[in-house]
């Protein structure tokens, strides 16, 4: 699968929830087993394969 998907609503939802729960980006990326770079892509609404 070599498609790039745009999900801006998902990025906004994750960011809102993260702020509500007072979770740092470092904590989120550690728990989700993703890099900060991947988190930034998700936050912007793009999910690259």
Foldseek 3Di string as FASTA:
>chain_A
DFDKFFAQVQLVVVVVVCVVVVHDLVRVCVVVVHDSVQNVCVNNGIHGD
